[in-house]
Amino acid sequence: SQKKVKNSFGQAEVRYKVSTKVIMFGVEFEAEFTLTDRSKMRNPILLGRKILIGRFIVDVQEANLSKKSLK
């Protein structure tokens, strides 16, 4: 389907929306993503509050914890 969203510049644009299964820290759940070209950006995806709420607590002082948990 398609969804109207505001981009990082505050401009409204229509993006395709997909649902997929996501696995984080061994927990699998359904999530929705809107698609845009992020090939020139540092992070390939952005996770929003709707995906994280009620599932995870975010520690903003840490980085790449999912990679550490695989060891």
PDB file of N, CA and C in Angstrom:
ATOM      1  N   SER A   1       0.840  -1.174   0.000  1.00  0.00           N
ATOM      2  CA  SER A   1       0.000   0.000   0.000  1.00  0.00           C
ATOM      3  C   SER A   1       0.889   1.242   0.000  1.00  0.00           C
ATOM      4  N   GLN A   2       0.271   2.398  -0.012  1.00  0.00           N
ATOM      5  CA  GLN A   2       1.004   3.654   0.007  1.00  0.00           C
ATOM      6  C   GLN A   2       0.578   4.485   1.208  1.00  0.00           C
ATOM      7  N   LYS A   3       1.497   5.347   1.670  1.00  0.00           N
ATOM      8  CA  LYS A   3       1.223   6.169   2.833  1.00  0.00           C
ATOM      9  C   LYS A   3       1.867   7.535   2.627  1.00  0.00           C
ATOM     10  N   LYS A   4       1.165   8.573   3.068  1.00  0.00           N
ATOM     11  CA  LYS A   4       1.706   9.929   2.994  1.00  0.00           C
ATOM     12  C   LYS A   4       2.495  10.183   4.275  1.00  0.00           C
ATOM     13  N   VAL A   5       3.778  10.545   4.151  1.00  0.00           N
ATOM     14  CA  VAL A   5       4.639  10.809   5.305  1.00  0.00           C
ATOM     15  C   VAL A   5       5.396  12.109   5.083  1.00  0.00           C
ATOM     16  N   LYS A   6       5.887  12.673   6.179  1.00  0.00           N
ATOM     17  CA  LYS A   6       6.752  13.844   6.081  1.00  0.00           C
ATOM     18  C   LYS A   6       8.197  13.369   6.091  1.00  0.00           C
ATOM     19  N   ASN A   7       8.998  13.865   5.153  1.00  0.00           N
ATOM     20  CA  ASN A   7      10.402  13.489   5.122  1.00  0.00           C
ATOM     21  C   ASN A   7      11.177  14.328   6.135  1.00  0.00           C
ATOM     22  N   SER A   8      12.479  14.146   6.189  1.00  0.00           N
ATOM     23  CA  SER A   8      13.306  14.840   7.180  1.00  0.00           C
ATOM     24  C   SER A   8      13.334  16.347   6.979  1.00  0.00           C
ATOM     25  N   PHE A   9      12.925  16.810   5.807  1.00  0.00           N
ATOM     26  CA  PHE A   9      12.869  18.248   5.539  1.00  0.00           C
ATOM     27  C   PHE A   9      11.489  18.829   5.834  1.00  0.00           C
ATOM     28  N   GLY A  10      10.557  17.987   6.305  1.00  0.00           N
ATOM     29  CA  GLY A  10       9.213  18.441   6.631  1.00  0.00           C
ATOM     30  C   GLY A  10       8.257  18.472   5.457  1.00  0.00           C
ATOM     31  N   GLN A  11       8.701  17.970   4.292  1.00  0.00           N
ATOM     32  CA  GLN A  11       7.850  17.954   3.111  1.00  0.00           C
ATOM     33  C   GLN A  11       7.063  16.651   3.046  1.00  0.00           C
ATOM     34  N   ALA A  12       5.777  16.741   2.720  1.00  0.00           N
ATOM     35  CA  ALA A  12       4.943  15.544   2.597  1.00  0.00           C
ATOM     36  C   ALA A  12       5.265  14.828   1.295  1.00  0.00           C
ATOM     37  N   GLU A  13       5.350  13.502   1.367  1.00  0.00           N
ATOM     38  CA  GLU A  13       5.565  12.698   0.170  1.00  0.00           C
ATOM     39  C   GLU A  13       4.850  11.366   0.337  1.00  0.00           C
ATOM     40  N   VAL A  14       4.532  10.722  -0.771  1.00  0.00           N
ATOM     41  CA  VAL A  14       3.863   9.422  -0.739  1.00  0.00           C
ATOM     42  C   VAL A  14       4.922   8.343  -0.905  1.00  0.00           C
ATOM     43  N   ARG A  15       4.919   7.370   0.023  1.00  0.00           N
ATOM     44  CA  ARG A  15       5.879   6.266  -0.028  1.00  0.00           C
ATOM     45  C   ARG A  15       5.118   4.948  -0.003  1.00  0.00           C
ATOM     46  N   TYR A  16       5.750   3.918  -0.546  1.00  0.00           N
ATOM     47  CA  TYR A  16       5.202   2.574  -0.432  1.00  0.00           C
ATOM     48  C   TYR A  16       5.427   2.075   0.989  1.00  0.00           C
ATOM     49  N   LYS A  17       4.456   1.315   1.493  1.00  0.00           N
ATOM     50  CA  LYS A  17       4.520   0.753   2.831  1.00  0.00           C
ATOM     51  C   LYS A  17       4.505  -0.772   2.708  1.00  0.00           C
ATOM     52  N   VAL A  18       5.408  -1.440   3.426  1.00  0.00           N
ATOM     53  CA  VAL A  18       5.473  -2.900   3.413  1.00  0.00           C
ATOM     54  C   VAL A  18       5.414  -3.432   4.839  1.00  0.00           C
ATOM     55  N   SER A  19       4.878  -4.632   4.988  1.00  0.00           N
ATOM     56  CA  SER A  19       4.893  -5.346   6.263  1.00  0.00           C
ATOM     57  C   SER A  19       5.857  -6.511   6.138  1.00  0.00           C
ATOM     58  N   THR A  20       6.645  -6.734   7.174  1.00  0.00           N
ATOM     59  CA  THR A  20       7.615  -7.827   7.144  1.00  0.00           C
ATOM     60  C   THR A  20       7.891  -8.304   8.564  1.00  0.00           C
ATOM     61  N   LYS A  21       8.496  -9.464   8.685  1.00  0.00           N
ATOM     62  CA  LYS A  21       8.904  -9.969   9.990  1.00  0.00           C
ATOM     63  C   LYS A  21      10.294  -9.418  10.302  1.00  0.00           C
ATOM     64  N   VAL A  22      10.471  -9.026  11.563  1.00  0.00           N
ATOM     65  CA  VAL A  22      11.734  -8.475  12.035  1.00  0.00           C
ATOM     66  C   VAL A  22      12.190  -9.317  13.218  1.00  0.00           C
ATOM     67  N   ILE A  23      13.497  -9.583  13.305  1.00  0.00           N
ATOM     68  CA  ILE A  23      14.051 -10.280  14.463  1.00  0.00           C
ATOM     69  C   ILE A  23      15.097  -9.372  15.089  1.00  0.00           C
ATOM     70  N   MET A  24      14.863  -9.010  16.359  1.00  0.00           N
ATOM     71  CA  MET A  24      15.829  -8.209  17.113  1.00  0.00           C
ATOM     72  C   MET A  24      16.038  -8.874  18.462  1.00  0.00           C
ATOM     73  N   PHE A  25      17.294  -9.135  18.791  1.00  0.00           N
ATOM     74  CA  PHE A  25      17.648  -9.773  20.057  1.00  0.00           C
ATOM     75  C   PHE A  25      16.880 -11.072  20.268  1.00  0.00           C
ATOM     76  N   GLY A  26      16.661 -11.826  19.183  1.00  0.00           N
ATOM     77  CA  GLY A  26      15.982 -13.109  19.259  1.00  0.00           C
ATOM     78  C   GLY A  26      14.469 -13.020  19.333  1.00  0.00           C
ATOM     79  N   VAL A  27      13.903 -11.827  19.290  1.00  0.00           N
ATOM     80  CA  VAL A  27      12.454 -11.637  19.335  1.00  0.00           C
ATOM     81  C   VAL A  27      11.959 -11.354  17.917  1.00  0.00           C
ATOM     82  N   GLU A  28      10.982 -12.145  17.456  1.00  0.00           N
ATOM     83  CA  GLU A  28      10.429 -11.968  16.112  1.00  0.00           C
ATOM     84  C   GLU A  28       9.048 -11.330  16.203  1.00  0.00           C
ATOM     85  N   PHE A  29       8.801 -10.321  15.350  1.00  0.00           N
ATOM     86  CA  PHE A  29       7.498  -9.678  15.316  1.00  0.00           C
ATOM     87  C   PHE A  29       7.276  -9.035  13.960  1.00  0.00           C
ATOM     88  N   GLU A  30       6.005  -8.716  13.677  1.00  0.00           N
ATOM     89  CA  GLU A  30       5.631  -8.037  12.435  1.00  0.00           C
ATOM     90  C   GLU A  30       5.885  -6.546  12.588  1.00  0.00           C
ATOM     91  N   ALA A  31       6.369  -5.931  11.513  1.00  0.00           N
ATOM     92  CA  ALA A  31       6.600  -4.482  11.521  1.00  0.00           C
ATOM     93  C   ALA A  31       6.278  -3.916  10.148  1.00  0.00           C
ATOM     94  N   GLU A  32       5.920  -2.637  10.130  1.00  0.00           N
ATOM     95  CA  GLU A  32       5.647  -1.935   8.875  1.00  0.00           C
ATOM     96  C   GLU A  32       6.752  -0.912   8.633  1.00  0.00           C
ATOM     97  N   PHE A  33       7.172  -0.802   7.388  1.00  0.00           N
ATOM     98  CA  PHE A  33       8.191   0.170   6.995  1.00  0.00           C
ATOM     99  C   PHE A  33       7.708   0.913   5.766  1.00  0.00           C
ATOM    100  N   THR A  34       8.037   2.205   5.691  1.00  0.00           N
ATOM    101  CA  THR A  34       7.839   2.937   4.444  1.00  0.00           C
ATOM    102  C   THR A  34       9.185   2.941   3.734  1.00  0.00           C
ATOM    103  N   LEU A  35       9.150   2.858   2.412  1.00  0.00           N
ATOM    104  CA  LEU A  35      10.364   2.697   1.628  1.00  0.00           C
ATOM    105  C   LEU A  35      10.826   4.021   1.035  1.00  0.00           C
ATOM    106  N   THR A  36      12.132   4.240   1.119  1.00  0.00           N
ATOM    107  CA  THR A  36      12.763   5.388   0.490  1.00  0.00           C
ATOM    108  C   THR A  36      14.220   5.028   0.214  1.00  0.00           C
ATOM    109  N   ASP A  37      14.855   5.732  -0.685  1.00  0.00           N
ATOM    110  CA  ASP A  37      16.251   5.461  -1.026  1.00  0.00           C
ATOM    111  C   ASP A  37      17.172   5.990   0.065  1.00  0.00           C
ATOM    112  N   ARG A  38      17.812   5.107   0.808  1.00  0.00           N
ATOM    113  CA  ARG A  38      18.750   5.486   1.865  1.00  0.00           C
ATOM    114  C   ARG A  38      20.171   5.058   1.513  1.00  0.00           C
ATOM    115  N   SER A  39      20.445   4.814   0.244  1.00  0.00           N
ATOM    116  CA  SER A  39      21.753   4.295  -0.182  1.00  0.00           C
ATOM    117  C   SER A  39      22.909   5.247   0.134  1.00  0.00           C
ATOM    118  N   LYS A  40      22.638   6.529   0.219  1.00  0.00           N
ATOM    119  CA  LYS A  40      23.700   7.492   0.508  1.00  0.00           C
ATOM    120  C   LYS A  40      23.727   7.912   1.978  1.00  0.00           C
ATOM    121  N   MET A  41      22.932   7.244   2.786  1.00  0.00           N
ATOM    122  CA  MET A  41      22.837   7.613   4.201  1.00  0.00           C
ATOM    123  C   MET A  41      23.572   6.612   5.081  1.00  0.00           C
ATOM    124  N   ARG A  42      23.892   7.032   6.285  1.00  0.00           N
ATOM    125  CA  ARG A  42      24.677   6.217   7.212  1.00  0.00           C
ATOM    126  C   ARG A  42      23.941   4.947   7.656  1.00  0.00           C
ATOM    127  N   ASN A  43      22.638   5.069   7.940  1.00  0.00           N
ATOM    128  CA  ASN A  43      21.855   3.934   8.421  1.00  0.00           C
ATOM    129  C   ASN A  43      20.890   3.470   7.340  1.00  0.00           C
ATOM    130  N   PRO A  44      20.871   2.166   7.031  1.00  0.00           N
ATOM    131  CA  PRO A  44      19.990   1.665   5.974  1.00  0.00           C
ATOM    132  C   PRO A  44      18.509   1.716   6.326  1.00  0.00           C
ATOM    133  N   ILE A  45      18.177   1.646   7.631  1.00  0.00           N
ATOM    134  CA  ILE A  45      16.779   1.772   8.061  1.00  0.00           C
ATOM    135  C   ILE A  45      16.716   2.614   9.324  1.00  0.00           C
ATOM    136  N   LEU A  46      15.543   3.161   9.575  1.00  0.00           N
ATOM    137  CA  LEU A  46      15.280   3.858  10.827  1.00  0.00           C
ATOM    138  C   LEU A  46      14.159   3.123  11.546  1.00  0.00           C
ATOM    139  N   LEU A  47      14.334   2.897  12.827  1.00  0.00           N
ATOM    140  CA  LEU A  47      13.295   2.256  13.629  1.00  0.00           C
ATOM    141  C   LEU A  47      12.554   3.336  14.401  1.00  0.00           C
ATOM    142  N   GLY A  48      11.241   3.314  14.302  1.00  0.00           N
ATOM    143  CA  GLY A  48      10.426   4.319  14.968  1.00  0.00           C
ATOM    144  C   GLY A  48       9.891   3.847  16.310  1.00  0.00           C
ATOM    145  N   ARG A  49       9.217   4.766  16.982  1.00  0.00           N
ATOM    146  CA  ARG A  49       8.641   4.462  18.292  1.00  0.00           C
ATOM    147  C   ARG A  49       7.633   3.337  18.236  1.00  0.00           C
ATOM    148  N   LYS A  50       6.838   3.263  17.151  1.00  0.00           N
ATOM    149  CA  LYS A  50       5.796   2.235  17.060  1.00  0.00           C
ATOM    150  C   LYS A  50       6.389   0.830  17.066  1.00  0.00           C
ATOM    151  N   ILE A  51       7.557   0.666  16.497  1.00  0.00           N
ATOM    152  CA  ILE A  51       8.205  -0.652  16.482  1.00  0.00           C
ATOM    153  C   ILE A  51       8.778  -0.987  17.860  1.00  0.00           C
ATOM    154  N   LEU A  52       9.315   0.003  18.555  1.00  0.00           N
ATOM    155  CA  LEU A  52      10.024  -0.234  19.814  1.00  0.00           C
ATOM    156  C   LEU A  52       9.124  -0.258  21.038  1.00  0.00           C
ATOM    157  N   ILE A  53       8.032   0.499  21.033  1.00  0.00           N
ATOM    158  CA  ILE A  53       7.214   0.672  22.235  1.00  0.00           C
ATOM    159  C   ILE A  53       6.666  -0.671  22.747  1.00  0.00           C
ATOM    160  N   GLY A  54       6.845  -0.898  24.033  1.00  0.00           N
ATOM    161  CA  GLY A  54       6.358  -2.120  24.664  1.00  0.00           C
ATOM    162  C   GLY A  54       7.217  -3.347  24.409  1.00  0.00           C
ATOM    163  N   ARG A  55       8.280  -3.191  23.629  1.00  0.00           N
ATOM    164  CA  ARG A  55       9.155  -4.330  23.316  1.00  0.00           C
ATOM    165  C   ARG A  55      10.570  -4.140  23.843  1.00  0.00           C
ATOM    166  N   PHE A  56      11.079  -2.903  23.748  1.00  0.00           N
ATOM    167  CA  PHE A  56      12.471  -2.636  24.075  1.00  0.00           C
ATOM    168  C   PHE A  56      12.602  -1.338  24.842  1.00  0.00           C
ATOM    169  N   ILE A  57      13.682  -1.228  25.605  1.00  0.00           N
ATOM    170  CA  ILE A  57      14.069   0.014  26.252  1.00  0.00           C
ATOM    171  C   ILE A  57      15.332   0.483  25.538  1.00  0.00           C
ATOM    172  N   VAL A  58      15.378   1.756  25.180  1.00  0.00           N
ATOM    173  CA  VAL A  58      16.497   2.298  24.420  1.00  0.00           C
ATOM    174  C   VAL A  58      17.458   3.010  25.363  1.00  0.00           C
ATOM    175  N   ASP A  59      18.721   2.591  25.347  1.00  0.00           N
ATOM    176  CA  ASP A  59      19.786   3.260  26.091  1.00  0.00           C
ATOM    177  C   ASP A  59      20.578   4.083  25.087  1.00  0.00           C
ATOM    178  N   VAL A  60      20.394   5.390  25.096  1.00  0.00           N
ATOM    179  CA  VAL A  60      21.004   6.245  24.084  1.00  0.00           C
ATOM    180  C   VAL A  60      22.519   6.379  24.243  1.00  0.00           C
ATOM    181  N   GLN A  61      23.071   5.899  25.353  1.00  0.00           N
ATOM    182  CA  GLN A  61      24.521   5.950  25.551  1.00  0.00           C
ATOM    183  C   GLN A  61      25.224   4.764  24.917  1.00  0.00           C
ATOM    184  N   GLU A  62      24.496   3.760  24.498  1.00  0.00           N
ATOM    185  CA  GLU A  62      25.073   2.559  23.900  1.00  0.00           C
ATOM    186  C   GLU A  62      24.929   2.592  22.381  1.00  0.00           C
ATOM    187  N   ALA A  63      25.691   1.697  21.708  1.00  0.00           N
ATOM    188  CA  ALA A  63      25.611   1.578  20.245  1.00  0.00           C
ATOM    189  C   ALA A  63      25.848   0.137  19.843  1.00  0.00           C
ATOM    190  N   ASN A  64      25.142  -0.312  18.796  1.00  0.00           N
ATOM    191  CA  ASN A  64      25.330  -1.643  18.208  1.00  0.00           C
ATOM    192  C   ASN A  64      25.221  -2.779  19.215  1.00  0.00           C
ATOM    193  N   LEU A  65      24.258  -2.719  20.104  1.00  0.00           N
ATOM    194  CA  LEU A  65      24.091  -3.778  21.093  1.00  0.00           C
ATOM    195  C   LEU A  65      23.679  -5.098  20.471  1.00  0.00           C
ATOM    196  N   SER A  66      22.981  -5.068  19.358  1.00  0.00           N
ATOM    197  CA  SER A  66      22.558  -6.314  18.723  1.00  0.00           C
ATOM    198  C   SER A  66      23.768  -7.101  18.228  1.00  0.00           C
ATOM    199  N   LYS A  67      24.795  -6.439  17.773  1.00  0.00           N
ATOM    200  CA  LYS A  67      26.021  -7.123  17.339  1.00  0.00           C
ATOM    201  C   LYS A  67      26.736  -7.739  18.530  1.00  0.00           C
ATOM    202  N   LYS A  68      26.739  -7.042  19.678  1.00  0.00           N
ATOM    203  CA  LYS A  68      27.382  -7.571  20.876  1.00  0.00           C
ATOM    204  C   LYS A  68      26.671  -8.806  21.395  1.00  0.00           C
ATOM    205  N   SER A  69      25.344  -8.872  21.224  1.00  0.00           N
ATOM    206  CA  SER A  69      24.589 -10.006  21.764  1.00  0.00           C
ATOM    207  C   SER A  69      24.823 -11.284  20.960  1.00  0.00           C
ATOM    208  N   LEU A  70      25.355 -11.187  19.751  1.00  0.00           N
ATOM    209  CA  LEU A  70      25.622 -12.360  18.932  1.00  0.00           C
ATOM    210  C   LEU A  70      26.881 -13.104  19.358  1.00  0.00           C
ATOM    211  N   LYS A  71      27.723 -12.484  20.156  1.00  0.00           N
ATOM    212  CA  LYS A  71      29.000 -13.097  20.587  1.00  0.00           C
ATOM    213  C   LYS A  71      28.796 -14.118  21.646  1.00  0.00           C
TER     214      LYS A  71
END
